[in-house]
Amino acid sequence: MKQIQYAGYSILKDGTWKFRTATDEKRIYQLEAFGESVYMIGIRPVASKGAAAKELLAMDYMGKNPECVAFFAKHAKDENPFKKTTRVVKLKVPSVAMQKLTGAQIETEELSTAEARRIRTEWNRRHAHLSYDGE
């Protein structure tokens, strides 16, 4: 898989800014041929658009302009492990004694992300008093 080596933005004919990445200079020339104003620089090779945006922020590309920083920060997102495409499964594991006595087996139940979030929040609320103090 080719890695992203150029990142920045382009301005479309209607004035809209668009976050851009490229694996090689050919893509930059292609965007310019479409009539876009292209502002891209070379970055350390990365695998995702989010990582490319983080590189631009780390390099202080465009200075401290708050609009530019916000524009790149909007694209500097990590992949969300709890997005709706993620499958959440609840497991009910019986004790070894129950397995031997009744033949009980592990049960699974698929949860929606909202239900999983509710269970996680409730667990965190109940166990908030348990804190690790490093000892």
Protein backbone atom coordinates (compact mmCIF):
# COMPACT_ATOMS: atom_id res chain seq x y z
CA MET A 1 0.00 0.00 0.00
CA LYS A 2 1.37 3.40 -0.98
CA GLN A 3 1.77 5.89 1.79
CA ILE A 4 0.62 9.51 1.77
CA GLN A 5 3.62 11.76 1.16
CA TYR A 6 1.95 15.11 0.36
CA ALA A 7 -0.80 16.94 2.22
CA GLY A 8 -2.46 20.31 2.27
CA TYR A 9 -5.57 21.78 0.74
CA SER A 10 -7.01 22.98 -2.51
CA ILE A 11 -9.48 25.72 -3.30
CA LEU A 12 -12.21 24.75 -5.73
CA LYS A 13 -13.55 27.13 -8.37
CA ASP A 14 -16.49 28.04 -6.11
CA GLY A 15 -14.09 29.03 -3.27
CA THR A 16 -14.59 25.88 -1.18
CA TRP A 17 -11.54 24.58 0.68
CA LYS A 18 -10.91 20.85 0.41
CA PHE A 19 -8.40 18.81 2.44
CA ARG A 20 -6.07 16.99 0.05
CA THR A 21 -3.50 14.21 0.27
CA ALA A 22 -1.40 12.51 -2.37
CA THR A 23 0.94 9.54 -2.62
CA ASP A 24 2.95 11.20 -5.41
CA GLU A 25 3.29 14.47 -7.32
CA LYS A 26 1.10 13.24 -10.19
CA ARG A 27 -2.01 13.77 -8.06
CA ILE A 28 -1.01 17.38 -7.38
CA TYR A 29 -0.63 18.03 -11.11
CA GLN A 30 -3.97 16.33 -11.74
CA LEU A 31 -5.76 18.60 -9.25
CA GLU A 32 -4.15 21.67 -10.82
CA ALA A 33 -5.31 20.45 -14.25
CA PHE A 34 -8.87 20.38 -12.87
CA GLY A 35 -8.52 24.12 -12.25
CA GLU A 36 -8.05 23.95 -8.48
CA SER A 37 -5.61 26.16 -6.59
CA VAL A 38 -3.46 23.54 -4.83
CA TYR A 39 -1.40 24.16 -1.68
CA MET A 40 0.34 20.94 -0.68
CA ILE A 41 3.73 20.17 0.86
CA GLY A 42 5.80 17.06 1.39
CA ILE A 43 5.29 15.30 4.72
CA ARG A 44 6.70 12.27 6.50
CA PRO A 45 5.02 9.23 4.85
CA VAL A 46 1.85 8.23 6.72
CA ALA A 47 -0.93 5.69 6.16
CA SER A 48 -4.10 7.75 6.68
CA LYS A 49 -5.60 11.16 5.99
CA GLY A 50 -6.00 11.73 9.73
CA ALA A 51 -2.29 11.13 10.26
CA ALA A 52 -1.48 13.47 7.35
CA ALA A 53 -3.54 16.25 8.96
CA LYS A 54 -1.71 15.65 12.26
CA GLU A 55 1.61 15.99 10.43
CA LEU A 56 0.54 19.36 9.02
CA LEU A 57 -0.51 20.54 12.47
CA ALA A 58 2.78 19.34 13.98
CA MET A 59 4.75 21.10 11.24
CA ASP A 60 2.81 24.31 12.00
CA TYR A 61 1.78 24.49 8.34
CA MET A 62 -0.09 27.77 7.73
CA GLY A 63 1.18 29.25 11.00
CA LYS A 64 -1.13 30.03 13.89
CA ASN A 65 -4.06 31.10 11.71
CA PRO A 66 -7.04 29.83 13.78
CA GLU A 67 -9.19 29.09 10.72
CA CYS A 68 -6.43 26.96 9.16
CA VAL A 69 -5.68 25.16 12.41
CA ALA A 70 -9.40 24.38 12.84
CA PHE A 71 -9.61 23.22 9.20
CA PHE A 72 -6.76 20.71 9.61
CA ALA A 73 -7.84 19.70 13.13
CA LYS A 74 -11.24 18.72 11.70
CA HIS A 75 -9.44 16.15 9.52
CA ALA A 76 -6.97 14.96 12.20
CA LYS A 77 -9.30 12.37 13.66
CA ASP A 78 -8.38 8.92 14.89
CA GLU A 79 -10.47 6.02 13.73
CA ASN A 80 -13.38 5.56 16.13
CA PRO A 81 -13.52 1.99 17.47
CA PHE A 82 -17.16 2.52 18.58
CA LYS A 83 -18.57 3.73 15.25
CA LYS A 84 -21.81 2.09 14.16
CA THR A 85 -20.09 -0.49 11.98
CA THR A 86 -18.42 -1.97 15.05
CA ARG A 87 -20.14 -5.08 16.39
CA VAL A 88 -20.53 -5.20 20.18
CA VAL A 89 -21.18 -8.57 21.79
CA LYS A 90 -22.12 -9.20 25.42
CA LEU A 91 -20.90 -12.54 26.85
CA LYS A 92 -22.50 -14.41 29.73
CA VAL A 93 -19.98 -16.92 31.06
CA PRO A 94 -21.29 -19.42 33.63
CA SER A 95 -19.04 -20.63 36.41
CA VAL A 96 -17.20 -23.92 35.97
CA ALA A 97 -19.49 -25.50 38.59
CA MET A 98 -22.63 -24.48 36.66
CA GLN A 99 -21.09 -25.86 33.48
CA LYS A 100 -20.49 -29.22 35.17
CA LEU A 101 -23.82 -29.37 37.05
CA THR A 102 -26.23 -28.16 34.40
CA GLY A 103 -24.24 -28.16 31.20
CA ALA A 104 -24.59 -24.37 31.00
CA GLN A 105 -22.81 -22.79 28.06
CA ILE A 106 -21.49 -19.38 27.17
CA GLU A 107 -24.25 -17.16 25.81
CA THR A 108 -23.73 -14.23 23.47
CA GLU A 109 -25.96 -11.26 22.85
CA GLU A 110 -25.35 -8.61 20.22
CA LEU A 111 -25.78 -5.05 21.51
CA SER A 112 -26.33 -1.77 19.74
CA THR A 113 -23.57 0.78 20.20
CA ALA A 114 -25.97 2.94 22.24
CA GLU A 115 -26.69 0.03 24.62
CA ALA A 116 -22.99 -0.80 24.92
CA ARG A 117 -22.27 2.88 25.68
CA ARG A 118 -25.01 2.91 28.36
CA ILE A 119 -23.61 -0.24 30.02
CA ARG A 120 -20.04 1.13 29.91
CA THR A 121 -21.15 4.49 31.41
CA GLU A 122 -23.08 2.73 34.19
CA TRP A 123 -20.10 0.47 34.99
CA ASN A 124 -17.76 3.50 35.10
CA ARG A 125 -20.20 5.34 37.39
CA ARG A 126 -20.40 2.40 39.80
CA HIS A 127 -16.65 1.87 39.86
CA ALA A 128 -15.55 5.52 39.96
CA HIS A 129 -14.48 5.09 43.58
CA LEU A 130 -11.90 2.50 42.49
CA SER A 131 -8.85 4.41 41.44
CA TYR A 132 -5.32 3.31 40.83
CA ASP A 133 -2.86 5.28 42.94
CA GLY A 134 0.26 3.57 41.59
CA GLU A 135 0.99 1.44 44.67
